[in-house]
């Protein structure tokens, strides 16, 4: 179990270092960095390389934003097998809708509770 914590920390840290390097070295904006990491997770998921990473690192691979890209692709592929091209369009939102809804709701609550510094 201690090894799982260690590898989760290492893999999650590597993903974060990649994101920080995109900010500092490549001078990408936060939006561009987010897009690159989500796209990287989607590509790895489409190539069936992300699930072995999740099995190896656990939360170190499921918590970072790359897992959102993986979830989009996995949902689209699963529903495409069942419903064809319509499944591609609906599957990605079916799998990720609870996370997107939670982000909207908690963002709204945060906006009500706290004042911006601007």
PDB file of N, CA and C in Angstrom:
ATOM      1  N   UNK A   1       0.831  -1.192   0.000  1.00  0.00           N
ATOM      2  CA  UNK A   1       0.000   0.000   0.000  1.00  0.00           C
ATOM      3  C   UNK A   1       0.878   1.259   0.000  1.00  0.00           C
ATOM      4  N   UNK A   2       1.977   1.215   0.713  1.00  0.00           N
ATOM      5  CA  UNK A   2       2.882   2.353   0.734  1.00  0.00           C
ATOM      6  C   UNK A   2       3.476   2.617  -0.650  1.00  0.00           C
ATOM      7  N   UNK A   3       3.720   1.552  -1.402  1.00  0.00           N
ATOM      8  CA  UNK A   3       4.241   1.708  -2.761  1.00  0.00           C
ATOM      9  C   UNK A   3       3.212   2.400  -3.654  1.00  0.00           C
ATOM     10  N   UNK A   4       1.935   2.087  -3.456  1.00  0.00           N
ATOM     11  CA  UNK A   4       0.881   2.733  -4.249  1.00  0.00           C
ATOM     12  C   UNK A   4       0.843   4.230  -3.957  1.00  0.00           C
ATOM     13  N   UNK A   5       0.978   4.616  -2.689  1.00  0.00           N
ATOM     14  CA  UNK A   5       1.027   6.041  -2.348  1.00  0.00           C
ATOM     15  C   UNK A   5       2.229   6.712  -3.008  1.00  0.00           C
ATOM     16  N   UNK A   6       3.363   6.048  -2.960  1.00  0.00           N
ATOM     17  CA  UNK A   6       4.581   6.596  -3.545  1.00  0.00           C
ATOM     18  C   UNK A   6       4.417   6.825  -5.042  1.00  0.00           C
ATOM     19  N   UNK A   7       3.972   5.804  -5.766  1.00  0.00           N
ATOM     20  CA  UNK A   7       3.844   5.921  -7.217  1.00  0.00           C
ATOM     21  C   UNK A   7       2.727   6.881  -7.607  1.00  0.00           C
ATOM     22  N   UNK A   8       1.686   6.953  -6.801  1.00  0.00           N
ATOM     23  CA  UNK A   8       0.628   7.928  -7.057  1.00  0.00           C
ATOM     24  C   UNK A   8       1.191   9.347  -6.958  1.00  0.00           C
ATOM     25  N   UNK A   9       1.986   9.574  -5.923  1.00  0.00           N
ATOM     26  CA  UNK A   9       2.623  10.881  -5.741  1.00  0.00           C
ATOM     27  C   UNK A   9       3.571  11.201  -6.888  1.00  0.00           C
ATOM     28  N   UNK A  10       4.373  10.237  -7.291  1.00  0.00           N
ATOM     29  CA  UNK A  10       5.357  10.459  -8.360  1.00  0.00           C
ATOM     30  C   UNK A  10       4.666  10.738  -9.695  1.00  0.00           C
ATOM     31  N   UNK A  11       3.702   9.923 -10.062  1.00  0.00           N
ATOM     32  CA  UNK A  11       3.026  10.108 -11.361  1.00  0.00           C
ATOM     33  C   UNK A  11       2.233  11.413 -11.373  1.00  0.00           C
ATOM     34  N   UNK A  12       1.484  11.688 -10.314  1.00  0.00           N
ATOM     35  CA  UNK A  12       0.758  12.957 -10.237  1.00  0.00           C
ATOM     36  C   UNK A  12       1.704  14.142 -10.279  1.00  0.00           C
ATOM     37  N   UNK A  13       2.847  14.014  -9.610  1.00  0.00           N
ATOM     38  CA  UNK A  13       3.852  15.073  -9.633  1.00  0.00           C
ATOM     39  C   UNK A  13       4.441  15.285 -11.009  1.00  0.00           C
ATOM     40  N   UNK A  14       4.690  14.204 -11.730  1.00  0.00           N
ATOM     41  CA  UNK A  14       5.224  14.327 -13.088  1.00  0.00           C
ATOM     42  C   UNK A  14       4.227  15.039 -13.999  1.00  0.00           C
ATOM     43  N   UNK A  15       2.953  14.708 -13.865  1.00  0.00           N
ATOM     44  CA  UNK A  15       1.932  15.385 -14.671  1.00  0.00           C
ATOM     45  C   UNK A  15       1.909  16.880 -14.336  1.00  0.00           C
ATOM     46  N   UNK A  16       2.029  17.204 -13.057  1.00  0.00           N
ATOM     47  CA  UNK A  16       2.045  18.613 -12.648  1.00  0.00           C
ATOM     48  C   UNK A  16       3.300  19.331 -13.138  1.00  0.00           C
ATOM     49  N   UNK A  17       4.442  18.637 -13.109  1.00  0.00           N
ATOM     50  CA  UNK A  17       5.683  19.231 -13.622  1.00  0.00           C
ATOM     51  C   UNK A  17       5.553  19.524 -15.112  1.00  0.00           C
ATOM     52  N   UNK A  18       4.941  18.616 -15.846  1.00  0.00           N
ATOM     53  CA  UNK A  18       4.723  18.848 -17.279  1.00  0.00           C
ATOM     54  C   UNK A  18       3.874  20.108 -17.477  1.00  0.00           C
ATOM     55  N   UNK A  19       2.815  20.236 -16.696  1.00  0.00           N
ATOM     56  CA  UNK A  19       1.975  21.432 -16.788  1.00  0.00           C
ATOM     57  C   UNK A  19       2.744  22.693 -16.436  1.00  0.00           C
ATOM     58  N   UNK A  20       3.580  22.627 -15.399  1.00  0.00           N
ATOM     59  CA  UNK A  20       4.360  23.799 -15.009  1.00  0.00           C
ATOM     60  C   UNK A  20       5.395  24.165 -16.071  1.00  0.00           C
ATOM     61  N   UNK A  21       5.992  23.154 -16.697  1.00  0.00           N
ATOM     62  CA  UNK A  21       6.943  23.421 -17.778  1.00  0.00           C
ATOM     63  C   UNK A  21       6.251  24.074 -18.976  1.00  0.00           C
ATOM     64  N   UNK A  22       5.004  23.669 -19.227  1.00  0.00           N
ATOM     65  CA  UNK A  22       4.254  24.312 -20.314  1.00  0.00           C
ATOM     66  C   UNK A  22       4.033  25.788 -20.016  1.00  0.00           C
ATOM     67  N   UNK A  23       3.794  26.118 -18.733  1.00  0.00           N
ATOM     68  CA  UNK A  23       3.665  27.523 -18.336  1.00  0.00           C
ATOM     69  C   UNK A  23       4.986  28.265 -18.475  1.00  0.00           C
ATOM     70  N   UNK A  24       6.035  27.729 -17.845  1.00  0.00           N
ATOM     71  CA  UNK A  24       7.294  28.457 -17.691  1.00  0.00           C
ATOM     72  C   UNK A  24       8.178  28.429 -18.928  1.00  0.00           C
ATOM     73  N   UNK A  25       8.335  27.279 -19.540  1.00  0.00           N
ATOM     74  CA  UNK A  25       9.267  27.146 -20.660  1.00  0.00           C
ATOM     75  C   UNK A  25       8.583  27.481 -21.981  1.00  0.00           C
ATOM     76  N   UNK A  26       7.427  26.882 -22.215  1.00  0.00           N
ATOM     77  CA  UNK A  26       6.729  27.113 -23.479  1.00  0.00           C
ATOM     78  C   UNK A  26       5.921  28.403 -23.466  1.00  0.00           C
ATOM     79  N   UNK A  27       5.795  29.027 -22.279  1.00  0.00           N
ATOM     80  CA  UNK A  27       5.057  30.294 -22.127  1.00  0.00           C
ATOM     81  C   UNK A  27       3.615  30.195 -22.616  1.00  0.00           C
ATOM     82  N   UNK A  28       2.983  29.030 -22.357  1.00  0.00           N
ATOM     83  CA  UNK A  28       1.584  28.870 -22.734  1.00  0.00           C
ATOM     84  C   UNK A  28       0.695  29.507 -21.674  1.00  0.00           C
ATOM     85  N   UNK A  29      -0.466  29.958 -22.100  1.00  0.00           N
ATOM     86  CA  UNK A  29      -1.441  30.507 -21.159  1.00  0.00           C
ATOM     87  C   UNK A  29      -2.098  29.351 -20.397  1.00  0.00           C
ATOM     88  N   UNK A  30      -2.781  29.649 -19.291  1.00  0.00           N
ATOM     89  CA  UNK A  30      -3.469  28.574 -18.570  1.00  0.00           C
ATOM     90  C   UNK A  30      -4.471  27.818 -19.444  1.00  0.00           C
ATOM     91  N   UNK A  31      -5.178  28.517 -20.304  1.00  0.00           N
ATOM     92  CA  UNK A  31      -6.139  27.853 -21.192  1.00  0.00           C
ATOM     93  C   UNK A  31      -5.472  26.906 -22.173  1.00  0.00           C
ATOM     94  N   UNK A  32      -4.348  27.333 -22.721  1.00  0.00           N
ATOM     95  CA  UNK A  32      -3.616  26.474 -23.648  1.00  0.00           C
ATOM     96  C   UNK A  32      -3.040  25.256 -22.923  1.00  0.00           C
ATOM     97  N   UNK A  33      -2.510  25.486 -21.721  1.00  0.00           N
ATOM     98  CA  UNK A  33      -1.952  24.374 -20.944  1.00  0.00           C
ATOM     99  C   UNK A  33      -3.039  23.366 -20.608  1.00  0.00           C
ATOM    100  N   UNK A  34      -4.200  23.854 -20.205  1.00  0.00           N
ATOM    101  CA  UNK A  34      -5.326  22.979 -19.913  1.00  0.00           C
ATOM    102  C   UNK A  34      -5.695  22.158 -21.138  1.00  0.00           C
ATOM    103  N   UNK A  35      -5.753  22.812 -22.290  1.00  0.00           N
ATOM    104  CA  UNK A  35      -6.101  22.113 -23.529  1.00  0.00           C
ATOM    105  C   UNK A  35      -5.073  21.051 -23.890  1.00  0.00           C
ATOM    106  N   UNK A  36      -3.799  21.361 -23.716  1.00  0.00           N
ATOM    107  CA  UNK A  36      -2.747  20.396 -24.024  1.00  0.00           C
ATOM    108  C   UNK A  36      -2.860  19.175 -23.107  1.00  0.00           C
ATOM    109  N   UNK A  37      -3.072  19.402 -21.812  1.00  0.00           N
ATOM    110  CA  UNK A  37      -3.142  18.276 -20.876  1.00  0.00           C
ATOM    111  C   UNK A  37      -4.392  17.426 -21.101  1.00  0.00           C
ATOM    112  N   UNK A  38      -5.523  18.055 -21.368  1.00  0.00           N
ATOM    113  CA  UNK A  38      -6.738  17.293 -21.650  1.00  0.00           C
ATOM    114  C   UNK A  38      -6.573  16.506 -22.943  1.00  0.00           C
ATOM    115  N   UNK A  39      -5.990  17.137 -23.955  1.00  0.00           N
ATOM    116  CA  UNK A  39      -5.763  16.446 -25.228  1.00  0.00           C
ATOM    117  C   UNK A  39      -4.792  15.287 -25.070  1.00  0.00           C
ATOM    118  N   UNK A  40      -3.756  15.479 -24.270  1.00  0.00           N
ATOM    119  CA  UNK A  40      -2.800  14.397 -24.019  1.00  0.00           C
ATOM    120  C   UNK A  40      -3.486  13.217 -23.337  1.00  0.00           C
ATOM    121  N   UNK A  41      -4.347  13.492 -22.363  1.00  0.00           N
ATOM    122  CA  UNK A  41      -5.099  12.423 -21.714  1.00  0.00           C
ATOM    123  C   UNK A  41      -6.039  11.726 -22.679  1.00  0.00           C
ATOM    124  N   UNK A  42      -6.639  12.502 -23.582  1.00  0.00           N
ATOM    125  CA  UNK A  42      -7.540  11.916 -24.576  1.00  0.00           C
ATOM    126  C   UNK A  42      -6.781  11.011 -25.545  1.00  0.00           C
ATOM    127  N   UNK A  43      -5.623  11.460 -25.992  1.00  0.00           N
ATOM    128  CA  UNK A  43      -4.821  10.645 -26.916  1.00  0.00           C
ATOM    129  C   UNK A  43      -4.346   9.364 -26.220  1.00  0.00           C
ATOM    130  N   UNK A  44      -3.845   9.512 -24.995  1.00  0.00           N
ATOM    131  CA  UNK A  44      -3.400   8.321 -24.256  1.00  0.00           C
ATOM    132  C   UNK A  44      -4.562   7.360 -24.001  1.00  0.00           C
ATOM    133  N   UNK A  45      -5.739   7.909 -23.719  1.00  0.00           N
ATOM    134  CA  UNK A  45      -6.919   7.069 -23.521  1.00  0.00           C
ATOM    135  C   UNK A  45      -7.336   6.370 -24.794  1.00  0.00           C
ATOM    136  N   UNK A  46      -7.289   7.084 -25.907  1.00  0.00           N
ATOM    137  CA  UNK A  46      -7.642   6.496 -27.190  1.00  0.00           C
ATOM    138  C   UNK A  46      -6.685   5.398 -27.624  1.00  0.00           C
ATOM    139  N   UNK A  47      -5.429   5.525 -27.225  1.00  0.00           N
ATOM    140  CA  UNK A  47      -4.427   4.507 -27.545  1.00  0.00           C
ATOM    141  C   UNK A  47      -4.368   3.392 -26.501  1.00  0.00           C
ATOM    142  N   UNK A  48      -5.295   3.436 -25.547  1.00  0.00           N
ATOM    143  CA  UNK A  48      -5.373   2.436 -24.464  1.00  0.00           C
ATOM    144  C   UNK A  48      -4.122   2.440 -23.586  1.00  0.00           C
ATOM    145  N   UNK A  49      -3.497   3.598 -23.415  1.00  0.00           N
ATOM    146  CA  UNK A  49      -2.320   3.700 -22.566  1.00  0.00           C
ATOM    147  C   UNK A  49      -2.623   4.338 -21.221  1.00  0.00           C
ATOM    148  N   UNK A  50      -3.788   4.983 -21.089  1.00  0.00           N
ATOM    149  CA  UNK A  50      -4.090   5.679 -19.838  1.00  0.00           C
ATOM    150  C   UNK A  50      -4.569   4.723 -18.750  1.00  0.00           C
ATOM    151  N   UNK A  51      -5.341   3.721 -19.108  1.00  0.00           N
ATOM    152  CA  UNK A  51      -5.831   2.765 -18.090  1.00  0.00           C
ATOM    153  C   UNK A  51      -4.700   2.020 -17.386  1.00  0.00           C
ATOM    154  N   UNK A  52      -3.664   1.550 -18.108  1.00  0.00           N
ATOM    155  CA  UNK A  52      -2.536   0.941 -17.384  1.00  0.00           C
ATOM    156  C   UNK A  52      -1.865   1.925 -16.428  1.00  0.00           C
ATOM    157  N   UNK A  53      -1.829   3.216 -16.802  1.00  0.00           N
ATOM    158  CA  UNK A  53      -1.273   4.230 -15.922  1.00  0.00           C
ATOM    159  C   UNK A  53      -2.131   4.390 -14.673  1.00  0.00           C
ATOM    160  N   UNK A  54      -3.446   4.347 -14.836  1.00  0.00           N
ATOM    161  CA  UNK A  54      -4.361   4.423 -13.688  1.00  0.00           C
ATOM    162  C   UNK A  54      -4.192   3.195 -12.796  1.00  0.00           C
ATOM    163  N   UNK A  55      -4.064   2.028 -13.399  1.00  0.00           N
ATOM    164  CA  UNK A  55      -3.857   0.813 -12.611  1.00  0.00           C
ATOM    165  C   UNK A  55      -2.552   0.878 -11.829  1.00  0.00           C
ATOM    166  N   UNK A  56      -1.544   1.498 -12.399  1.00  0.00           N
ATOM    167  CA  UNK A  56      -0.238   1.596 -11.754  1.00  0.00           C
ATOM    168  C   UNK A  56      -0.211   2.679 -10.681  1.00  0.00           C
ATOM    169  N   UNK A  57      -0.756   3.867 -10.996  1.00  0.00           N
ATOM    170  CA  UNK A  57      -0.593   5.027 -10.120  1.00  0.00           C
ATOM    171  C   UNK A  57      -1.843   5.425  -9.353  1.00  0.00           C
ATOM    172  N   UNK A  58      -2.986   4.838  -9.637  1.00  0.00           N
ATOM    173  CA  UNK A  58      -4.204   5.172  -8.894  1.00  0.00           C
ATOM    174  C   UNK A  58      -4.568   6.637  -9.022  1.00  0.00           C
ATOM    175  N   UNK A  59      -4.729   7.295  -7.866  1.00  0.00           N
ATOM    176  CA  UNK A  59      -5.161   8.691  -7.845  1.00  0.00           C
ATOM    177  C   UNK A  59      -4.155   9.628  -8.488  1.00  0.00           C
ATOM    178  N   UNK A  60      -2.900   9.228  -8.576  1.00  0.00           N
ATOM    179  CA  UNK A  60      -1.908  10.055  -9.249  1.00  0.00           C
ATOM    180  C   UNK A  60      -2.222  10.254 -10.715  1.00  0.00           C
ATOM    181  N   UNK A  61      -3.004   9.343 -11.278  1.00  0.00           N
ATOM    182  CA  UNK A  61      -3.394   9.465 -12.682  1.00  0.00           C
ATOM    183  C   UNK A  61      -4.859   9.864 -12.845  1.00  0.00           C
ATOM    184  N   UNK A  62      -5.686   9.651 -11.825  1.00  0.00           N
ATOM    185  CA  UNK A  62      -7.110   9.971 -11.976  1.00  0.00           C
ATOM    186  C   UNK A  62      -7.465  11.379 -11.517  1.00  0.00           C
ATOM    187  N   UNK A  63      -6.664  11.996 -10.679  1.00  0.00           N
ATOM    188  CA  UNK A  63      -6.980  13.326 -10.177  1.00  0.00           C
ATOM    189  C   UNK A  63      -6.594  14.438 -11.159  1.00  0.00           C
ATOM    190  N   UNK A  64      -5.410  14.407 -11.794  1.00  0.00           N
ATOM    191  CA  UNK A  64      -5.055  15.508 -12.708  1.00  0.00           C
ATOM    192  C   UNK A  64      -6.019  15.625 -13.888  1.00  0.00           C
ATOM    193  N   UNK A  65      -5.968  16.769 -14.539  1.00  0.00           N
ATOM    194  CA  UNK A  65      -6.894  17.094 -15.626  1.00  0.00           C
ATOM    195  C   UNK A  65      -6.755  16.151 -16.814  1.00  0.00           C
ATOM    196  N   UNK A  66      -5.636  15.456 -16.932  1.00  0.00           N
ATOM    197  CA  UNK A  66      -5.465  14.517 -18.040  1.00  0.00           C
ATOM    198  C   UNK A  66      -6.519  13.416 -17.994  1.00  0.00           C
ATOM    199  N   UNK A  67      -6.988  13.091 -16.792  1.00  0.00           N
ATOM    200  CA  UNK A  67      -7.998  12.036 -16.693  1.00  0.00           C
ATOM    201  C   UNK A  67      -9.334  12.474 -17.275  1.00  0.00           C
ATOM    202  N   UNK A  68      -9.581  13.788 -17.342  1.00  0.00           N
ATOM    203  CA  UNK A  68     -10.813  14.278 -17.952  1.00  0.00           C
ATOM    204  C   UNK A  68     -10.817  13.969 -19.445  1.00  0.00           C
ATOM    205  N   UNK A  69      -9.685  14.171 -20.090  1.00  0.00           N
ATOM    206  CA  UNK A  69      -9.574  13.819 -21.510  1.00  0.00           C
ATOM    207  C   UNK A  69      -9.763  12.335 -21.731  1.00  0.00           C
ATOM    208  N   UNK A  70      -9.180  11.540 -20.848  1.00  0.00           N
ATOM    209  CA  UNK A  70      -9.357  10.092 -20.921  1.00  0.00           C
ATOM    210  C   UNK A  70     -10.825   9.717 -20.751  1.00  0.00           C
ATOM    211  N   UNK A  71     -11.501  10.340 -19.791  1.00  0.00           N
ATOM    212  CA  UNK A  71     -12.914  10.038 -19.559  1.00  0.00           C
ATOM    213  C   UNK A  71     -13.775  10.399 -20.766  1.00  0.00           C
ATOM    214  N   UNK A  72     -13.471  11.519 -21.411  1.00  0.00           N
ATOM    215  CA  UNK A  72     -14.217  11.909 -22.610  1.00  0.00           C
ATOM    216  C   UNK A  72     -14.083  10.860 -23.706  1.00  0.00           C
ATOM    217  N   UNK A  73     -12.869  10.417 -23.942  1.00  0.00           N
ATOM    218  CA  UNK A  73     -12.630   9.446 -25.010  1.00  0.00           C
ATOM    219  C   UNK A  73     -13.242   8.087 -24.665  1.00  0.00           C
ATOM    220  N   UNK A  74     -13.092   7.652 -23.423  1.00  0.00           N
ATOM    221  CA  UNK A  74     -13.643   6.350 -23.030  1.00  0.00           C
ATOM    222  C   UNK A  74     -15.161   6.338 -23.149  1.00  0.00           C
ATOM    223  N   UNK A  75     -15.808   7.443 -22.735  1.00  0.00           N
ATOM    224  CA  UNK A  75     -17.258   7.535 -22.888  1.00  0.00           C
ATOM    225  C   UNK A  75     -17.689   7.524 -24.337  1.00  0.00           C
ATOM    226  N   UNK A  76     -16.951   8.252 -25.174  1.00  0.00           N
ATOM    227  CA  UNK A  76     -17.282   8.300 -26.598  1.00  0.00           C
ATOM    228  C   UNK A  76     -17.093   6.932 -27.247  1.00  0.00           C
ATOM    229  N   UNK A  77     -16.008   6.243 -26.922  1.00  0.00           N
ATOM    230  CA  UNK A  77     -15.764   4.924 -27.508  1.00  0.00           C
ATOM    231  C   UNK A  77     -16.801   3.897 -27.066  1.00  0.00           C
ATOM    232  N   UNK A  78     -17.162   3.950 -25.785  1.00  0.00           N
ATOM    233  CA  UNK A  78     -18.145   2.996 -25.260  1.00  0.00           C
ATOM    234  C   UNK A  78     -19.505   3.184 -25.931  1.00  0.00           C
ATOM    235  N   UNK A  79     -19.946   4.413 -26.013  1.00  0.00           N
ATOM    236  CA  UNK A  79     -21.249   4.680 -26.626  1.00  0.00           C
ATOM    237  C   UNK A  79     -21.211   4.517 -28.143  1.00  0.00           C
ATOM    238  N   UNK A  80     -20.064   4.726 -28.759  1.00  0.00           N
ATOM    239  CA  UNK A  80     -19.943   4.510 -30.210  1.00  0.00           C
ATOM    240  C   UNK A  80     -20.151   3.044 -30.538  1.00  0.00           C
ATOM    241  N   UNK A  81     -19.679   2.158 -29.673  1.00  0.00           N
ATOM    242  CA  UNK A  81     -19.905   0.727 -29.889  1.00  0.00           C
ATOM    243  C   UNK A  81     -21.387   0.376 -29.814  1.00  0.00           C
ATOM    244  N   UNK A  82     -22.113   1.084 -28.949  1.00  0.00           N
ATOM    245  CA  UNK A  82     -23.534   0.781 -28.763  1.00  0.00           C
ATOM    246  C   UNK A  82     -24.441   1.502 -29.761  1.00  0.00           C
ATOM    247  N   UNK A  83     -24.143   2.784 -30.050  1.00  0.00           N
ATOM    248  CA  UNK A  83     -25.080   3.605 -30.817  1.00  0.00           C
ATOM    249  C   UNK A  83     -24.489   4.251 -32.066  1.00  0.00           C
ATOM    250  N   UNK A  84     -23.292   3.899 -32.439  1.00  0.00           N
ATOM    251  CA  UNK A  84     -22.691   4.473 -33.641  1.00  0.00           C
ATOM    252  C   UNK A  84     -22.247   5.904 -33.449  1.00  0.00           C
ATOM    253  N   UNK A  85     -22.369   6.696 -34.505  1.00  0.00           N
ATOM    254  CA  UNK A  85     -21.865   8.067 -34.494  1.00  0.00           C
ATOM    255  C   UNK A  85     -22.585   8.944 -33.480  1.00  0.00           C
ATOM    256  N   UNK A  86     -23.850   8.693 -33.232  1.00  0.00           N
ATOM    257  CA  UNK A  86     -24.591   9.462 -32.232  1.00  0.00           C
ATOM    258  C   UNK A  86     -24.012   9.177 -30.843  1.00  0.00           C
ATOM    259  N   UNK A  87     -23.582   7.964 -30.619  1.00  0.00           N
ATOM    260  CA  UNK A  87     -22.967   7.602 -29.351  1.00  0.00           C
ATOM    261  C   UNK A  87     -21.676   8.342 -29.086  1.00  0.00           C
ATOM    262  N   UNK A  88     -20.932   8.646 -30.146  1.00  0.00           N
ATOM    263  CA  UNK A  88     -19.700   9.420 -29.984  1.00  0.00           C
ATOM    264  C   UNK A  88     -20.024  10.797 -29.419  1.00  0.00           C
ATOM    265  N   UNK A  89     -21.083  11.394 -29.929  1.00  0.00           N
ATOM    266  CA  UNK A  89     -21.449  12.739 -29.489  1.00  0.00           C
ATOM    267  C   UNK A  89     -22.054  12.757 -28.093  1.00  0.00           C
ATOM    268  N   UNK A  90     -22.843  11.740 -27.766  1.00  0.00           N
ATOM    269  CA  UNK A  90     -23.511  11.741 -26.457  1.00  0.00           C
ATOM    270  C   UNK A  90     -22.694  11.056 -25.370  1.00  0.00           C
ATOM    271  N   UNK A  91     -21.866  10.105 -25.727  1.00  0.00           N
ATOM    272  CA  UNK A  91     -21.146   9.307 -24.736  1.00  0.00           C
ATOM    273  C   UNK A  91     -20.180  10.105 -23.895  1.00  0.00           C
ATOM    274  N   UNK A  92     -19.476  11.037 -24.523  1.00  0.00           N
ATOM    275  CA  UNK A  92     -18.497  11.799 -23.757  1.00  0.00           C
ATOM    276  C   UNK A  92     -19.161  12.678 -22.714  1.00  0.00           C
ATOM    277  N   UNK A  93     -20.346  13.168 -23.002  1.00  0.00           N
ATOM    278  CA  UNK A  93     -21.036  14.013 -22.033  1.00  0.00           C
ATOM    279  C   UNK A  93     -21.745  13.187 -20.964  1.00  0.00           C
ATOM    280  N   UNK A  94     -22.167  11.992 -21.321  1.00  0.00           N
ATOM    281  CA  UNK A  94     -22.828  11.113 -20.355  1.00  0.00           C
ATOM    282  C   UNK A  94     -21.864  10.734 -19.232  1.00  0.00           C
ATOM    283  N   UNK A  95     -20.638  10.447 -19.581  1.00  0.00           N
ATOM    284  CA  UNK A  95     -19.654  10.015 -18.592  1.00  0.00           C
ATOM    285  C   UNK A  95     -19.173  11.174 -17.731  1.00  0.00           C
ATOM    286  N   UNK A  96     -19.032  12.351 -18.300  1.00  0.00           N
ATOM    287  CA  UNK A  96     -18.432  13.470 -17.582  1.00  0.00           C
ATOM    288  C   UNK A  96     -19.444  14.489 -17.054  1.00  0.00           C
ATOM    289  N   UNK A  97     -20.717  14.264 -17.271  1.00  0.00           N
ATOM    290  CA  UNK A  97     -21.715  15.271 -16.901  1.00  0.00           C
ATOM    291  C   UNK A  97     -21.759  15.555 -15.404  1.00  0.00           C
ATOM    292  N   UNK A  98     -21.544  14.571 -14.561  1.00  0.00           N
ATOM    293  CA  UNK A  98     -21.598  14.834 -13.120  1.00  0.00           C
ATOM    294  C   UNK A  98     -20.439  15.731 -12.689  1.00  0.00           C
ATOM    295  N   UNK A  99     -19.256  15.521 -13.242  1.00  0.00           N
ATOM    296  CA  UNK A  99     -18.123  16.379 -12.907  1.00  0.00           C
ATOM    297  C   UNK A  99     -18.302  17.799 -13.406  1.00  0.00           C
ATOM    298  N   UNK A 100     -18.830  17.930 -14.617  1.00  0.00           N
ATOM    299  CA  UNK A 100     -19.068  19.260 -15.174  1.00  0.00           C
ATOM    300  C   UNK A 100     -20.146  19.977 -14.359  1.00  0.00           C
ATOM    301  N   UNK A 101     -21.204  19.271 -14.010  1.00  0.00           N
ATOM    302  CA  UNK A 101     -22.278  19.872 -13.214  1.00  0.00           C
ATOM    303  C   UNK A 101     -21.775  20.307 -11.842  1.00  0.00           C
ATOM    304  N   UNK A 102     -20.966  19.476 -11.203  1.00  0.00           N
ATOM    305  CA  UNK A 102     -20.408  19.830  -9.892  1.00  0.00           C
ATOM    306  C   UNK A 102     -19.529  21.071  -9.996  1.00  0.00           C
ATOM    307  N   UNK A 103     -18.729  21.166 -11.042  1.00  0.00           N
ATOM    308  CA  UNK A 103     -17.871  22.337 -11.213  1.00  0.00           C
ATOM    309  C   UNK A 103     -18.701  23.611 -11.372  1.00  0.00           C
ATOM    310  N   UNK A 104     -19.795  23.522 -12.118  1.00  0.00           N
ATOM    311  CA  UNK A 104     -20.657  24.689 -12.312  1.00  0.00           C
ATOM    312  C   UNK A 104     -21.328  25.090 -11.007  1.00  0.00           C
ATOM    313  N   UNK A 105     -21.882  24.115 -10.291  1.00  0.00           N
ATOM    314  CA  UNK A 105     -22.598  24.404  -9.047  1.00  0.00           C
ATOM    315  C   UNK A 105     -21.651  24.971  -7.990  1.00  0.00           C
ATOM    316  N   UNK A 106     -20.506  24.326  -7.781  1.00  0.00           N
ATOM    317  CA  UNK A 106     -19.587  24.803  -6.754  1.00  0.00           C
ATOM    318  C   UNK A 106     -18.926  26.122  -7.152  1.00  0.00           C
ATOM    319  N   UNK A 107     -18.719  26.349  -8.451  1.00  0.00           N
ATOM    320  CA  UNK A 107     -18.227  27.638  -8.901  1.00  0.00           C
ATOM    321  C   UNK A 107     -19.224  28.750  -8.615  1.00  0.00           C
ATOM    322  N   UNK A 108     -20.505  28.457  -8.826  1.00  0.00           N
ATOM    323  CA  UNK A 108     -21.549  29.441  -8.540  1.00  0.00           C
ATOM    324  C   UNK A 108     -21.624  29.729  -7.048  1.00  0.00           C
ATOM    325  N   UNK A 109     -21.575  28.689  -6.224  1.00  0.00           N
ATOM    326  CA  UNK A 109     -21.606  28.876  -4.766  1.00  0.00           C
ATOM    327  C   UNK A 109     -20.401  29.687  -4.308  1.00  0.00           C
ATOM    328  N   UNK A 110     -19.224  29.372  -4.877  1.00  0.00           N
ATOM    329  CA  UNK A 110     -18.028  30.142  -4.534  1.00  0.00           C
ATOM    330  C   UNK A 110     -18.166  31.604  -4.914  1.00  0.00           C
ATOM    331  N   UNK A 111     -18.779  31.871  -6.061  1.00  0.00           N
ATOM    332  CA  UNK A 111     -18.977  33.249  -6.501  1.00  0.00           C
ATOM    333  C   UNK A 111     -19.944  33.996  -5.588  1.00  0.00           C
ATOM    334  N   UNK A 112     -20.913  33.282  -5.023  1.00  0.00           N
ATOM    335  CA  UNK A 112     -21.848  33.923  -4.102  1.00  0.00           C
ATOM    336  C   UNK A 112     -21.205  34.213  -2.750  1.00  0.00           C
ATOM    337  N   UNK A 113     -20.337  33.329  -2.305  1.00  0.00           N
ATOM    338  CA  UNK A 113     -19.761  33.442  -0.967  1.00  0.00           C
ATOM    339  C   UNK A 113     -18.562  34.382  -0.888  1.00  0.00           C
ATOM    340  N   UNK A 114     -17.818  34.525  -1.945  1.00  0.00           N
ATOM    341  CA  UNK A 114     -16.573  35.282  -1.882  1.00  0.00           C
ATOM    342  C   UNK A 114     -16.602  36.431  -2.881  1.00  0.00           C
ATOM    343  N   UNK A 115     -15.918  37.501  -2.497  1.00  0.00           N
ATOM    344  CA  UNK A 115     -15.848  38.668  -3.366  1.00  0.00           C
ATOM    345  C   UNK A 115     -14.558  38.628  -4.178  1.00  0.00           C
ATOM    346  N   UNK A 116     -14.641  38.973  -5.461  1.00  0.00           N
ATOM    347  CA  UNK A 116     -13.412  39.023  -6.265  1.00  0.00           C
ATOM    348  C   UNK A 116     -12.515  40.179  -5.818  1.00  0.00           C
ATOM    349  N   UNK A 117     -11.239  40.039  -6.061  1.00  0.00           N
ATOM    350  CA  UNK A 117     -10.271  41.068  -5.661  1.00  0.00           C
ATOM    351  C   UNK A 117     -10.014  42.046  -6.804  1.00  0.00           C
ATOM    352  N   UNK A 118     -10.999  42.453  -7.504  1.00  0.00           N
ATOM    353  CA  UNK A 118     -10.737  43.307  -8.655  1.00  0.00           C
ATOM    354  C   UNK A 118     -11.425  44.590  -8.676  1.00  0.00           C
TER     355      UNK A 118
END
